[in-house]
PDB file of N, CA and C in Angstrom:
ATOM      1  N   UNK A   1     -11.375 -32.757  -0.004  1.00  0.00           N
ATOM      2  CA  UNK A   1     -12.761 -32.537   0.299  1.00  0.00           C
ATOM      3  C   UNK A   1     -13.335 -31.588  -0.754  1.00  0.00           C
ATOM      4  N   UNK A   2     -14.521 -31.898  -1.252  1.00  0.00           N
ATOM      5  CA  UNK A   2     -15.168 -31.060  -2.271  1.00  0.00           C
ATOM      6  C   UNK A   2     -15.669 -29.779  -1.647  1.00  0.00           C
ATOM      7  N   UNK A   3     -15.606 -28.727  -2.434  1.00  0.00           N
ATOM      8  CA  UNK A   3     -16.118 -27.439  -1.987  1.00  0.00           C
ATOM      9  C   UNK A   3     -17.274 -27.071  -2.882  1.00  0.00           C
ATOM     10  N   UNK A   4     -18.328 -26.577  -2.323  1.00  0.00           N
ATOM     11  CA  UNK A   4     -19.487 -26.167  -3.095  1.00  0.00           C
ATOM     12  C   UNK A   4     -19.330 -24.718  -3.508  1.00  0.00           C
ATOM     13  N   UNK A   5     -19.608 -24.436  -4.780  1.00  0.00           N
ATOM     14  CA  UNK A   5     -19.573 -23.058  -5.245  1.00  0.00           C
ATOM     15  C   UNK A   5     -20.819 -22.346  -4.746  1.00  0.00           C
ATOM     16  N   UNK A   6     -20.658 -21.194  -4.181  1.00  0.00           N
ATOM     17  CA  UNK A   6     -21.780 -20.394  -3.716  1.00  0.00           C
ATOM     18  C   UNK A   6     -22.423 -19.659  -4.874  1.00  0.00           C
ATOM     19  N   UNK A   7     -21.607 -19.193  -5.827  1.00  0.00           N
ATOM     20  CA  UNK A   7     -22.103 -18.325  -6.882  1.00  0.00           C
ATOM     21  C   UNK A   7     -21.321 -18.626  -8.153  1.00  0.00           C
ATOM     22  N   UNK A   8     -21.997 -19.237  -9.122  1.00  0.00           N
ATOM     23  CA  UNK A   8     -21.310 -19.633 -10.351  1.00  0.00           C
ATOM     24  C   UNK A   8     -20.851 -18.439 -11.172  1.00  0.00           C
ATOM     25  N   UNK A   9     -21.364 -17.251 -10.892  1.00  0.00           N
ATOM     26  CA  UNK A   9     -20.954 -16.070 -11.648  1.00  0.00           C
ATOM     27  C   UNK A   9     -19.916 -15.264 -10.894  1.00  0.00           C
ATOM     28  N   UNK A  10     -19.363 -15.837  -9.842  1.00  0.00           N
ATOM     29  CA  UNK A  10     -18.386 -15.110  -9.028  1.00  0.00           C
ATOM     30  C   UNK A  10     -17.084 -14.862  -9.757  1.00  0.00           C
ATOM     31  N   UNK A  11     -16.152 -14.267  -9.078  1.00  0.00           N
ATOM     32  CA  UNK A  11     -14.891 -13.830  -9.638  1.00  0.00           C
ATOM     33  C   UNK A  11     -13.829 -14.909  -9.441  1.00  0.00           C
ATOM     34  N   UNK A  12     -14.165 -16.181  -9.725  1.00  0.00           N
ATOM     35  CA  UNK A  12     -13.281 -17.293  -9.417  1.00  0.00           C
ATOM     36  C   UNK A  12     -12.099 -17.402 -10.352  1.00  0.00           C
ATOM     37  N   UNK A  13     -12.160 -16.820 -11.535  1.00  0.00           N
ATOM     38  CA  UNK A  13     -11.086 -16.967 -12.501  1.00  0.00           C
ATOM     39  C   UNK A  13      -9.884 -16.105 -12.208  1.00  0.00           C
ATOM     40  N   UNK A  14     -10.003 -15.185 -11.298  1.00  0.00           N
ATOM     41  CA  UNK A  14      -8.896 -14.304 -10.963  1.00  0.00           C
ATOM     42  C   UNK A  14      -8.215 -14.784  -9.691  1.00  0.00           C
ATOM     43  N   UNK A  15      -7.046 -14.287  -9.473  1.00  0.00           N
ATOM     44  CA  UNK A  15      -6.297 -14.667  -8.274  1.00  0.00           C
ATOM     45  C   UNK A  15      -6.992 -14.155  -7.037  1.00  0.00           C
ATOM     46  N   UNK A  16      -6.910 -14.929  -5.981  1.00  0.00           N
ATOM     47  CA  UNK A  16      -7.414 -14.477  -4.686  1.00  0.00           C
ATOM     48  C   UNK A  16      -6.508 -13.375  -4.177  1.00  0.00           C
ATOM     49  N   UNK A  17      -7.038 -12.458  -3.378  1.00  0.00           N
ATOM     50  CA  UNK A  17      -6.186 -11.400  -2.829  1.00  0.00           C
ATOM     51  C   UNK A  17      -5.002 -12.003  -2.070  1.00  0.00           C
ATOM     52  N   UNK A  18      -3.825 -11.473  -2.336  1.00  0.00           N
ATOM     53  CA  UNK A  18      -2.636 -11.922  -1.619  1.00  0.00           C
ATOM     54  C   UNK A  18      -1.976 -13.152  -2.215  1.00  0.00           C
ATOM     55  N   UNK A  19      -2.473 -13.645  -3.345  1.00  0.00           N
ATOM     56  CA  UNK A  19      -1.845 -14.803  -3.974  1.00  0.00           C
ATOM     57  C   UNK A  19      -1.832 -14.623  -5.479  1.00  0.00           C
ATOM     58  N   UNK A  20      -0.861 -15.226  -6.123  1.00  0.00           N
ATOM     59  CA  UNK A  20      -0.721 -15.127  -7.573  1.00  0.00           C
ATOM     60  C   UNK A  20      -1.240 -16.380  -8.261  1.00  0.00           C
ATOM     61  N   UNK A  21      -1.820 -17.305  -7.532  1.00  0.00           N
ATOM     62  CA  UNK A  21      -2.170 -18.597  -8.095  1.00  0.00           C
ATOM     63  C   UNK A  21      -3.573 -18.595  -8.691  1.00  0.00           C
ATOM     64  N   UNK A  22      -3.705 -19.289  -9.819  1.00  0.00           N
ATOM     65  CA  UNK A  22      -4.961 -19.405 -10.549  1.00  0.00           C
ATOM     66  C   UNK A  22      -5.941 -20.301  -9.801  1.00  0.00           C
ATOM     67  N   UNK A  23      -7.205 -19.904  -9.773  1.00  0.00           N
ATOM     68  CA  UNK A  23      -8.264 -20.716  -9.188  1.00  0.00           C
ATOM     69  C   UNK A  23      -8.925 -21.516 -10.308  1.00  0.00           C
ATOM     70  N   UNK A  24      -9.145 -22.799 -10.077  1.00  0.00           N
ATOM     71  CA  UNK A  24      -9.822 -23.668 -11.029  1.00  0.00           C
ATOM     72  C   UNK A  24     -11.275 -23.821 -10.609  1.00  0.00           C
ATOM     73  N   UNK A  25     -12.186 -23.582 -11.530  1.00  0.00           N
ATOM     74  CA  UNK A  25     -13.616 -23.750 -11.284  1.00  0.00           C
ATOM     75  C   UNK A  25     -14.050 -24.998 -12.034  1.00  0.00           C
ATOM     76  N   UNK A  26     -14.509 -25.985 -11.266  1.00  0.00           N
ATOM     77  CA  UNK A  26     -14.854 -27.296 -11.810  1.00  0.00           C
ATOM     78  C   UNK A  26     -16.299 -27.637 -11.467  1.00  0.00           C
ATOM     79  N   UNK A  27     -16.978 -28.266 -12.412  1.00  0.00           N
ATOM     80  CA  UNK A  27     -18.351 -28.715 -12.182  1.00  0.00           C
ATOM     81  C   UNK A  27     -18.447 -30.163 -12.643  1.00  0.00           C
ATOM     82  N   UNK A  28     -18.799 -31.049 -11.714  1.00  0.00           N
ATOM     83  CA  UNK A  28     -18.907 -32.473 -12.011  1.00  0.00           C
ATOM     84  C   UNK A  28     -20.373 -32.880 -12.012  1.00  0.00           C
ATOM     85  N   UNK A  29     -20.840 -33.387 -13.147  1.00  0.00           N
ATOM     86  CA  UNK A  29     -22.205 -33.878 -13.284  1.00  0.00           C
ATOM     87  C   UNK A  29     -22.206 -35.384 -13.089  1.00  0.00           C
ATOM     88  N   UNK A  30     -23.068 -35.873 -12.184  1.00  0.00           N
ATOM     89  CA  UNK A  30     -23.196 -37.302 -11.914  1.00  0.00           C
ATOM     90  C   UNK A  30     -24.668 -37.691 -12.003  1.00  0.00           C
ATOM     91  N   UNK A  31     -24.914 -38.975 -12.101  1.00  0.00           N
ATOM     92  CA  UNK A  31     -26.267 -39.512 -12.154  1.00  0.00           C
ATOM     93  C   UNK A  31     -26.475 -40.376 -10.922  1.00  0.00           C
ATOM     94  N   UNK A  32     -26.923 -39.756  -9.842  1.00  0.00           N
ATOM     95  CA  UNK A  32     -27.122 -40.491  -8.599  1.00  0.00           C
ATOM     96  C   UNK A  32     -25.813 -40.951  -7.999  1.00  0.00           C
ATOM     97  N   UNK A  33     -25.900 -41.964  -7.145  1.00  0.00           N
ATOM     98  CA  UNK A  33     -24.708 -42.481  -6.477  1.00  0.00           C
ATOM     99  C   UNK A  33     -24.333 -43.834  -7.059  1.00  0.00           C
ATOM    100  N   UNK A  34     -24.069 -43.844  -8.362  1.00  0.00           N
ATOM    101  CA  UNK A  34     -23.644 -45.063  -9.037  1.00  0.00           C
ATOM    102  C   UNK A  34     -22.169 -45.304  -8.733  1.00  0.00           C
ATOM    103  N   UNK A  35     -21.675 -46.519  -8.982  1.00  0.00           N
ATOM    104  CA  UNK A  35     -20.243 -46.754  -8.784  1.00  0.00           C
ATOM    105  C   UNK A  35     -19.368 -45.797  -9.607  1.00  0.00           C
ATOM    106  N   UNK A  36     -19.754 -45.517 -10.856  1.00  0.00           N
ATOM    107  CA  UNK A  36     -18.963 -44.596 -11.683  1.00  0.00           C
ATOM    108  C   UNK A  36     -18.977 -43.189 -11.102  1.00  0.00           C
ATOM    109  N   UNK A  37     -20.115 -42.747 -10.587  1.00  0.00           N
ATOM    110  CA  UNK A  37     -20.202 -41.417  -9.977  1.00  0.00           C
ATOM    111  C   UNK A  37     -19.319 -41.336  -8.743  1.00  0.00           C
ATOM    112  N   UNK A  38     -19.374 -42.347  -7.918  1.00  0.00           N
ATOM    113  CA  UNK A  38     -18.562 -42.371  -6.704  1.00  0.00           C
ATOM    114  C   UNK A  38     -17.078 -42.368  -7.042  1.00  0.00           C
ATOM    115  N   UNK A  39     -16.675 -43.158  -8.051  1.00  0.00           N
ATOM    116  CA  UNK A  39     -15.269 -43.174  -8.475  1.00  0.00           C
ATOM    117  C   UNK A  39     -14.852 -41.808  -9.014  1.00  0.00           C
ATOM    118  N   UNK A  40     -15.708 -41.179  -9.796  1.00  0.00           N
ATOM    119  CA  UNK A  40     -15.376 -39.866 -10.360  1.00  0.00           C
ATOM    120  C   UNK A  40     -15.168 -38.840  -9.255  1.00  0.00           C
ATOM    121  N   UNK A  41     -16.029 -38.831  -8.252  1.00  0.00           N
ATOM    122  CA  UNK A  41     -15.897 -37.890  -7.140  1.00  0.00           C
ATOM    123  C   UNK A  41     -14.603 -38.155  -6.379  1.00  0.00           C
ATOM    124  N   UNK A  42     -14.333 -39.428  -6.095  1.00  0.00           N
ATOM    125  CA  UNK A  42     -13.111 -39.798  -5.371  1.00  0.00           C
ATOM    126  C   UNK A  42     -11.868 -39.421  -6.174  1.00  0.00           C
ATOM    127  N   UNK A  43     -11.851 -39.755  -7.466  1.00  0.00           N
ATOM    128  CA  UNK A  43     -10.687 -39.453  -8.312  1.00  0.00           C
ATOM    129  C   UNK A  43     -10.476 -37.952  -8.460  1.00  0.00           C
ATOM    130  N   UNK A  44     -11.560 -37.203  -8.632  1.00  0.00           N
ATOM    131  CA  UNK A  44     -11.434 -35.756  -8.784  1.00  0.00           C
ATOM    132  C   UNK A  44     -10.954 -35.104  -7.496  1.00  0.00           C
ATOM    133  N   UNK A  45     -11.476 -35.532  -6.364  1.00  0.00           N
ATOM    134  CA  UNK A  45     -10.998 -34.982  -5.093  1.00  0.00           C
ATOM    135  C   UNK A  45      -9.514 -35.259  -4.896  1.00  0.00           C
ATOM    136  N   UNK A  46      -9.063 -36.468  -5.238  1.00  0.00           N
ATOM    137  CA  UNK A  46      -7.643 -36.801  -5.104  1.00  0.00           C
ATOM    138  C   UNK A  46      -6.798 -35.926  -6.028  1.00  0.00           C
ATOM    139  N   UNK A  47      -7.235 -35.741  -7.266  1.00  0.00           N
ATOM    140  CA  UNK A  47      -6.524 -34.887  -8.215  1.00  0.00           C
ATOM    141  C   UNK A  47      -6.424 -33.460  -7.694  1.00  0.00           C
ATOM    142  N   UNK A  48      -7.537 -32.922  -7.234  1.00  0.00           N
ATOM    143  CA  UNK A  48      -7.547 -31.533  -6.771  1.00  0.00           C
ATOM    144  C   UNK A  48      -6.687 -31.342  -5.528  1.00  0.00           C
ATOM    145  N   UNK A  49      -6.800 -32.245  -4.581  1.00  0.00           N
ATOM    146  CA  UNK A  49      -6.016 -32.115  -3.350  1.00  0.00           C
ATOM    147  C   UNK A  49      -4.520 -32.265  -3.617  1.00  0.00           C
ATOM    148  N   UNK A  50      -4.151 -33.160  -4.538  1.00  0.00           N
ATOM    149  CA  UNK A  50      -2.739 -33.406  -4.815  1.00  0.00           C
ATOM    150  C   UNK A  50      -2.103 -32.312  -5.666  1.00  0.00           C
ATOM    151  N   UNK A  51      -2.860 -31.728  -6.599  1.00  0.00           N
ATOM    152  CA  UNK A  51      -2.248 -30.836  -7.574  1.00  0.00           C
ATOM    153  C   UNK A  51      -2.740 -29.395  -7.538  1.00  0.00           C
ATOM    154  N   UNK A  52      -3.884 -29.153  -6.933  1.00  0.00           N
ATOM    155  CA  UNK A  52      -4.412 -27.790  -6.925  1.00  0.00           C
ATOM    156  C   UNK A  52      -4.286 -27.112  -5.563  1.00  0.00           C
ATOM    157  N   UNK A  53      -3.951 -27.872  -4.531  1.00  0.00           N
ATOM    158  CA  UNK A  53      -3.596 -27.307  -3.234  1.00  0.00           C
ATOM    159  C   UNK A  53      -4.556 -26.215  -2.773  1.00  0.00           C
ATOM    160  N   UNK A  54      -5.859 -26.524  -2.797  1.00  0.00           N
ATOM    161  CA  UNK A  54      -6.844 -25.565  -2.308  1.00  0.00           C
ATOM    162  C   UNK A  54      -7.209 -24.472  -3.296  1.00  0.00           C
ATOM    163  N   UNK A  55      -6.690 -24.538  -4.507  1.00  0.00           N
ATOM    164  CA  UNK A  55      -6.958 -23.504  -5.509  1.00  0.00           C
ATOM    165  C   UNK A  55      -8.076 -23.929  -6.451  1.00  0.00           C
ATOM    166  N   UNK A  56      -9.155 -24.479  -5.899  1.00  0.00           N
ATOM    167  CA  UNK A  56     -10.238 -24.928  -6.746  1.00  0.00           C
ATOM    168  C   UNK A  56     -11.590 -24.708  -6.070  1.00  0.00           C
ATOM    169  N   UNK A  57     -12.576 -24.545  -6.908  1.00  0.00           N
ATOM    170  CA  UNK A  57     -13.971 -24.512  -6.484  1.00  0.00           C
ATOM    171  C   UNK A  57     -14.633 -25.654  -7.236  1.00  0.00           C
ATOM    172  N   UNK A  58     -15.286 -26.553  -6.512  1.00  0.00           N
ATOM    173  CA  UNK A  58     -15.888 -27.731  -7.122  1.00  0.00           C
ATOM    174  C   UNK A  58     -17.356 -27.791  -6.750  1.00  0.00           C
ATOM    175  N   UNK A  59     -18.185 -27.960  -7.773  1.00  0.00           N
ATOM    176  CA  UNK A  59     -19.608 -28.171  -7.564  1.00  0.00           C
ATOM    177  C   UNK A  59     -19.965 -29.524  -8.161  1.00  0.00           C
ATOM    178  N   UNK A  60     -20.546 -30.398  -7.344  1.00  0.00           N
ATOM    179  CA  UNK A  60     -21.005 -31.706  -7.809  1.00  0.00           C
ATOM    180  C   UNK A  60     -22.513 -31.605  -7.987  1.00  0.00           C
ATOM    181  N   UNK A  61     -22.978 -31.921  -9.198  1.00  0.00           N
ATOM    182  CA  UNK A  61     -24.391 -31.797  -9.521  1.00  0.00           C
ATOM    183  C   UNK A  61     -24.954 -33.160  -9.883  1.00  0.00           C
ATOM    184  N   UNK A  62     -25.950 -33.597  -9.146  1.00  0.00           N
ATOM    185  CA  UNK A  62     -26.663 -34.829  -9.446  1.00  0.00           C
ATOM    186  C   UNK A  62     -27.779 -34.458 -10.417  1.00  0.00           C
ATOM    187  N   UNK A  63     -27.697 -34.948 -11.647  1.00  0.00           N
ATOM    188  CA  UNK A  63     -28.671 -34.536 -12.650  1.00  0.00           C
ATOM    189  C   UNK A  63     -30.060 -35.121 -12.394  1.00  0.00           C
ATOM    190  N   UNK A  64     -30.176 -36.104 -11.499  1.00  0.00           N
ATOM    191  CA  UNK A  64     -31.500 -36.579 -11.106  1.00  0.00           C
ATOM    192  C   UNK A  64     -32.215 -35.516 -10.277  1.00  0.00           C
ATOM    193  N   UNK A  65     -31.458 -34.749  -9.508  1.00  0.00           N
ATOM    194  CA  UNK A  65     -32.029 -33.711  -8.655  1.00  0.00           C
ATOM    195  C   UNK A  65     -32.115 -32.360  -9.347  1.00  0.00           C
ATOM    196  N   UNK A  66     -31.229 -32.101 -10.305  1.00  0.00           N
ATOM    197  CA  UNK A  66     -31.184 -30.797 -10.983  1.00  0.00           C
ATOM    198  C   UNK A  66     -31.033 -30.981 -12.494  1.00  0.00           C
ATOM    199  N   UNK A  67     -32.031 -31.573 -13.151  1.00  0.00           N
ATOM    200  CA  UNK A  67     -31.909 -31.874 -14.582  1.00  0.00           C
ATOM    201  C   UNK A  67     -31.782 -30.636 -15.472  1.00  0.00           C
ATOM    202  N   UNK A  68     -32.319 -29.508 -15.054  1.00  0.00           N
ATOM    203  CA  UNK A  68     -32.242 -28.294 -15.889  1.00  0.00           C
ATOM    204  C   UNK A  68     -30.795 -27.853 -16.086  1.00  0.00           C
ATOM    205  N   UNK A  69     -29.953 -28.013 -15.069  1.00  0.00           N
ATOM    206  CA  UNK A  69     -28.544 -27.638 -15.204  1.00  0.00           C
ATOM    207  C   UNK A  69     -27.846 -28.519 -16.239  1.00  0.00           C
ATOM    208  N   UNK A  70     -28.154 -29.791 -16.230  1.00  0.00           N
ATOM    209  CA  UNK A  70     -27.542 -30.709 -17.204  1.00  0.00           C
ATOM    210  C   UNK A  70     -28.006 -30.374 -18.619  1.00  0.00           C
ATOM    211  N   UNK A  71     -29.289 -30.054 -18.781  1.00  0.00           N
ATOM    212  CA  UNK A  71     -29.782 -29.677 -20.110  1.00  0.00           C
ATOM    213  C   UNK A  71     -29.103 -28.409 -20.592  1.00  0.00           C
ATOM    214  N   UNK A  72     -28.937 -27.440 -19.708  1.00  0.00           N
ATOM    215  CA  UNK A  72     -28.309 -26.176 -20.077  1.00  0.00           C
ATOM    216  C   UNK A  72     -26.870 -26.334 -20.543  1.00  0.00           C
ATOM    217  N   UNK A  73     -26.155 -27.297 -19.992  1.00  0.00           N
ATOM    218  CA  UNK A  73     -24.751 -27.552 -20.364  1.00  0.00           C
ATOM    219  C   UNK A  73     -24.636 -28.655 -21.410  1.00  0.00           C
ATOM    220  N   UNK A  74     -25.773 -29.180 -21.862  1.00  0.00           N
ATOM    221  CA  UNK A  74     -25.818 -30.261 -22.851  1.00  0.00           C
ATOM    222  C   UNK A  74     -25.035 -31.486 -22.378  1.00  0.00           C
ATOM    223  N   UNK A  75     -25.288 -31.883 -21.132  1.00  0.00           N
ATOM    224  CA  UNK A  75     -24.650 -33.055 -20.542  1.00  0.00           C
ATOM    225  C   UNK A  75     -25.465 -34.279 -20.902  1.00  0.00           C
ATOM    226  N   UNK A  76     -24.864 -35.226 -21.597  1.00  0.00           N
ATOM    227  CA  UNK A  76     -25.545 -36.479 -21.915  1.00  0.00           C
ATOM    228  C   UNK A  76     -24.953 -37.628 -21.118  1.00  0.00           C
ATOM    229  N   UNK A  77     -23.691 -38.003 -21.360  1.00  0.00           N
ATOM    230  CA  UNK A  77     -23.133 -39.093 -20.553  1.00  0.00           C
ATOM    231  C   UNK A  77     -22.707 -38.559 -19.184  1.00  0.00           C
ATOM    232  N   UNK A  78     -22.740 -39.433 -18.209  1.00  0.00           N
ATOM    233  CA  UNK A  78     -22.240 -39.084 -16.887  1.00  0.00           C
ATOM    234  C   UNK A  78     -21.332 -40.208 -16.426  1.00  0.00           C
ATOM    235  N   UNK A  79     -20.397 -39.911 -15.555  1.00  0.00           N
ATOM    236  CA  UNK A  79     -20.044 -38.580 -15.050  1.00  0.00           C
ATOM    237  C   UNK A  79     -19.353 -37.739 -16.120  1.00  0.00           C
ATOM    238  N   UNK A  80     -19.576 -36.430 -16.045  1.00  0.00           N
ATOM    239  CA  UNK A  80     -18.927 -35.464 -16.926  1.00  0.00           C
ATOM    240  C   UNK A  80     -18.382 -34.327 -16.075  1.00  0.00           C
ATOM    241  N   UNK A  81     -17.118 -34.008 -16.278  1.00  0.00           N
ATOM    242  CA  UNK A  81     -16.469 -32.896 -15.584  1.00  0.00           C
ATOM    243  C   UNK A  81     -16.309 -31.738 -16.558  1.00  0.00           C
ATOM    244  N   UNK A  82     -16.731 -30.544 -16.128  1.00  0.00           N
ATOM    245  CA  UNK A  82     -16.471 -29.324 -16.884  1.00  0.00           C
ATOM    246  C   UNK A  82     -15.441 -28.511 -16.124  1.00  0.00           C
ATOM    247  N   UNK A  83     -14.364 -28.141 -16.806  1.00  0.00           N
ATOM    248  CA  UNK A  83     -13.411 -27.179 -16.254  1.00  0.00           C
ATOM    249  C   UNK A  83     -13.820 -25.834 -16.842  1.00  0.00           C
ATOM    250  N   UNK A  84     -14.437 -24.997 -16.026  1.00  0.00           N
ATOM    251  CA  UNK A  84     -14.955 -23.722 -16.492  1.00  0.00           C
ATOM    252  C   UNK A  84     -13.880 -22.651 -16.529  1.00  0.00           C
ATOM    253  N   UNK A  85     -13.049 -22.617 -15.519  1.00  0.00           N
ATOM    254  CA  UNK A  85     -11.949 -21.657 -15.447  1.00  0.00           C
ATOM    255  C   UNK A  85     -10.725 -22.378 -14.923  1.00  0.00           C
ATOM    256  N   UNK A  86      -9.547 -22.030 -15.354  1.00  0.00           N
ATOM    257  CA  UNK A  86      -9.246 -21.010 -16.344  1.00  0.00           C
ATOM    258  C   UNK A  86      -9.656 -21.465 -17.738  1.00  0.00           C
ATOM    259  N   UNK A  87      -9.870 -20.492 -18.602  1.00  0.00           N
ATOM    260  CA  UNK A  87     -10.243 -20.795 -19.970  1.00  0.00           C
ATOM    261  C   UNK A  87      -9.050 -21.420 -20.693  1.00  0.00           C
ATOM    262  N   UNK A  88      -9.254 -22.253 -21.675  1.00  0.00           N
ATOM    263  CA  UNK A  88     -10.540 -22.565 -22.278  1.00  0.00           C
ATOM    264  C   UNK A  88     -11.305 -23.595 -21.465  1.00  0.00           C
ATOM    265  N   UNK A  89     -12.638 -23.557 -21.590  1.00  0.00           N
ATOM    266  CA  UNK A  89     -13.485 -24.540 -20.938  1.00  0.00           C
ATOM    267  C   UNK A  89     -13.164 -25.905 -21.542  1.00  0.00           C
ATOM    268  N   UNK A  90     -13.104 -26.923 -20.687  1.00  0.00           N
ATOM    269  CA  UNK A  90     -12.830 -28.280 -21.159  1.00  0.00           C
ATOM    270  C   UNK A  90     -13.820 -29.243 -20.541  1.00  0.00           C
ATOM    271  N   UNK A  91     -14.057 -30.356 -21.232  1.00  0.00           N
ATOM    272  CA  UNK A  91     -15.028 -31.355 -20.809  1.00  0.00           C
ATOM    273  C   UNK A  91     -14.333 -32.714 -20.765  1.00  0.00           C
ATOM    274  N   UNK A  92     -14.523 -33.435 -19.658  1.00  0.00           N
ATOM    275  CA  UNK A  92     -13.955 -34.771 -19.486  1.00  0.00           C
ATOM    276  C   UNK A  92     -15.095 -35.716 -19.145  1.00  0.00           C
ATOM    277  N   UNK A  93     -15.166 -36.843 -19.831  1.00  0.00           N
ATOM    278  CA  UNK A  93     -16.245 -37.801 -19.630  1.00  0.00           C
ATOM    279  C   UNK A  93     -15.668 -39.076 -19.038  1.00  0.00           C
ATOM    280  N   UNK A  94     -16.340 -39.595 -18.014  1.00  0.00           N
ATOM    281  CA  UNK A  94     -15.916 -40.855 -17.402  1.00  0.00           C
ATOM    282  C   UNK A  94     -15.615 -40.663 -15.927  1.00  0.00           C
ATOM    283  N   UNK A  95     -15.068 -41.705 -15.314  1.00  0.00           N
ATOM    284  CA  UNK A  95     -14.849 -41.682 -13.862  1.00  0.00           C
ATOM    285  C   UNK A  95     -13.528 -41.029 -13.454  1.00  0.00           C
ATOM    286  N   UNK A  96     -12.822 -40.443 -14.420  1.00  0.00           N
ATOM    287  CA  UNK A  96     -11.576 -39.705 -14.173  1.00  0.00           C
ATOM    288  C   UNK A  96     -10.454 -40.589 -13.648  1.00  0.00           C
ATOM    289  N   UNK A  97     -10.522 -41.892 -13.953  1.00  0.00           N
ATOM    290  CA  UNK A  97      -9.402 -42.758 -13.607  1.00  0.00           C
ATOM    291  C   UNK A  97      -8.278 -42.480 -14.602  1.00  0.00           C
ATOM    292  N   UNK A  98      -7.080 -42.874 -14.283  1.00  0.00           N
ATOM    293  CA  UNK A  98      -5.939 -42.538 -15.125  1.00  0.00           C
ATOM    294  C   UNK A  98      -5.637 -41.059 -15.000  1.00  0.00           C
ATOM    295  N   UNK A  99      -5.458 -40.612 -13.785  1.00  0.00           N
ATOM    296  CA  UNK A  99      -5.311 -39.192 -13.470  1.00  0.00           C
ATOM    297  C   UNK A  99      -4.214 -38.518 -14.283  1.00  0.00           C
ATOM    298  N   UNK A 100      -3.114 -39.183 -14.537  1.00  0.00           N
ATOM    299  CA  UNK A 100      -2.011 -38.539 -15.248  1.00  0.00           C
ATOM    300  C   UNK A 100      -2.439 -37.996 -16.600  1.00  0.00           C
ATOM    301  N   UNK A 101      -3.297 -38.726 -17.305  1.00  0.00           N
ATOM    302  CA  UNK A 101      -3.784 -38.248 -18.594  1.00  0.00           C
ATOM    303  C   UNK A 101      -4.643 -37.007 -18.451  1.00  0.00           C
ATOM    304  N   UNK A 102      -5.308 -36.855 -17.321  1.00  0.00           N
ATOM    305  CA  UNK A 102      -6.174 -35.703 -17.090  1.00  0.00           C
ATOM    306  C   UNK A 102      -5.370 -34.455 -16.719  1.00  0.00           C
ATOM    307  N   UNK A 103      -4.166 -34.632 -16.180  1.00  0.00           N
ATOM    308  CA  UNK A 103      -3.386 -33.477 -15.741  1.00  0.00           C
ATOM    309  C   UNK A 103      -3.054 -32.550 -16.896  1.00  0.00           C
ATOM    310  N   UNK A 104      -2.711 -33.117 -18.044  1.00  0.00           N
ATOM    311  CA  UNK A 104      -2.401 -32.261 -19.189  1.00  0.00           C
ATOM    312  C   UNK A 104      -3.646 -31.495 -19.613  1.00  0.00           C
ATOM    313  N   UNK A 105      -4.791 -32.156 -19.626  1.00  0.00           N
ATOM    314  CA  UNK A 105      -6.034 -31.504 -20.006  1.00  0.00           C
ATOM    315  C   UNK A 105      -6.434 -30.400 -19.053  1.00  0.00           C
ATOM    316  N   UNK A 106      -6.081 -30.516 -17.806  1.00  0.00           N
ATOM    317  CA  UNK A 106      -6.390 -29.478 -16.828  1.00  0.00           C
ATOM    318  C   UNK A 106      -5.289 -28.432 -16.755  1.00  0.00           C
ATOM    319  N   UNK A 107      -4.317 -28.474 -17.660  1.00  0.00           N
ATOM    320  CA  UNK A 107      -3.233 -27.499 -17.722  1.00  0.00           C
ATOM    321  C   UNK A 107      -2.373 -27.506 -16.466  1.00  0.00           C
ATOM    322  N   UNK A 108      -2.240 -28.674 -15.836  1.00  0.00           N
ATOM    323  CA  UNK A 108      -1.431 -28.767 -14.627  1.00  0.00           C
ATOM    324  C   UNK A 108      -0.031 -29.294 -14.911  1.00  0.00           C
ATOM    325  N   UNK A 109       0.217 -29.744 -16.128  1.00  0.00           N
ATOM    326  CA  UNK A 109       1.529 -30.256 -16.506  1.00  0.00           C
ATOM    327  C   UNK A 109       1.982 -29.536 -17.766  1.00  0.00           C
ATOM    328  N   UNK A 110       3.270 -29.371 -17.868  1.00  0.00           N
ATOM    329  CA  UNK A 110       3.827 -28.789 -19.086  1.00  0.00           C
ATOM    330  C   UNK A 110       3.814 -29.851 -20.179  1.00  0.00           C
ATOM    331  N   UNK A 111       4.130 -29.484 -21.381  1.00  0.00           N
ATOM    332  CA  UNK A 111       4.141 -30.438 -22.493  1.00  0.00           C
ATOM    333  C   UNK A 111       5.207 -31.518 -22.311  1.00  0.00           C
ATOM    334  N   UNK A 112       6.267 -31.260 -21.556  1.00  0.00           N
ATOM    335  CA  UNK A 112       7.314 -32.259 -21.336  1.00  0.00           C
ATOM    336  C   UNK A 112       6.939 -33.220 -20.226  1.00  0.00           C
ATOM    337  N   UNK A 113       5.771 -33.033 -19.611  1.00  0.00           N
ATOM    338  CA  UNK A 113       5.329 -33.941 -18.568  1.00  0.00           C
ATOM    339  C   UNK A 113       5.743 -33.517 -17.169  1.00  0.00           C
ATOM    340  N   UNK A 114       6.429 -32.380 -17.064  1.00  0.00           N
ATOM    341  CA  UNK A 114       6.822 -31.900 -15.749  1.00  0.00           C
ATOM    342  C   UNK A 114       5.699 -31.051 -15.176  1.00  0.00           C
ATOM    343  N   UNK A 115       5.516 -31.051 -13.861  1.00  0.00           N
ATOM    344  CA  UNK A 115       4.459 -30.225 -13.286  1.00  0.00           C
ATOM    345  C   UNK A 115       4.674 -28.761 -13.680  1.00  0.00           C
ATOM    346  N   UNK A 116       3.591 -28.125 -14.062  1.00  0.00           N
ATOM    347  CA  UNK A 116       3.644 -26.715 -14.420  1.00  0.00           C
ATOM    348  C   UNK A 116       3.763 -25.902 -13.139  1.00  0.00           C
ATOM    349  N   UNK A 117       4.650 -24.941 -13.131  1.00  0.00           N
ATOM    350  CA  UNK A 117       4.827 -24.094 -11.951  1.00  0.00           C
ATOM    351  C   UNK A 117       3.740 -23.043 -11.922  1.00  0.00           C
ATOM    352  N   UNK A 118       3.052 -22.968 -10.808  1.00  0.00           N
ATOM    353  CA  UNK A 118       1.971 -22.011 -10.640  1.00  0.00           C
ATOM    354  C   UNK A 118       2.521 -20.792  -9.920  1.00  0.00           C
ATOM    355  N   UNK A 119       2.044 -19.623 -10.341  1.00  0.00           N
ATOM    356  CA  UNK A 119       2.430 -18.407  -9.605  1.00  0.00           C
ATOM    357  C   UNK A 119       3.481 -17.641 -10.200  1.00  0.00           C
TER     358      UNK A 119
END
């Protein structure tokens, strides 16, 4: 299930009290409820639930409703995912199918292809 960020300037990049695990701050830009947007939301939710185990903050932004945010981030194609934290910031374009290829980009897998141990 997607979680809405309350405050984009919050302290999301640091560990939550009582845990050593990194929080991922993700922002997904979509253009209405197109098939590609729906697939991107579904694929991203599956990725986060399977590999981030509640350690993520996700904001889905429809650029038809909030075009200023898309202009500020220089979003042209949609869907576009921004991984804001942990640094470095990364950008993924498309419906996020082929999840395994995205895991390395999100720093969730080691270079040998084994899941990276968190904590």
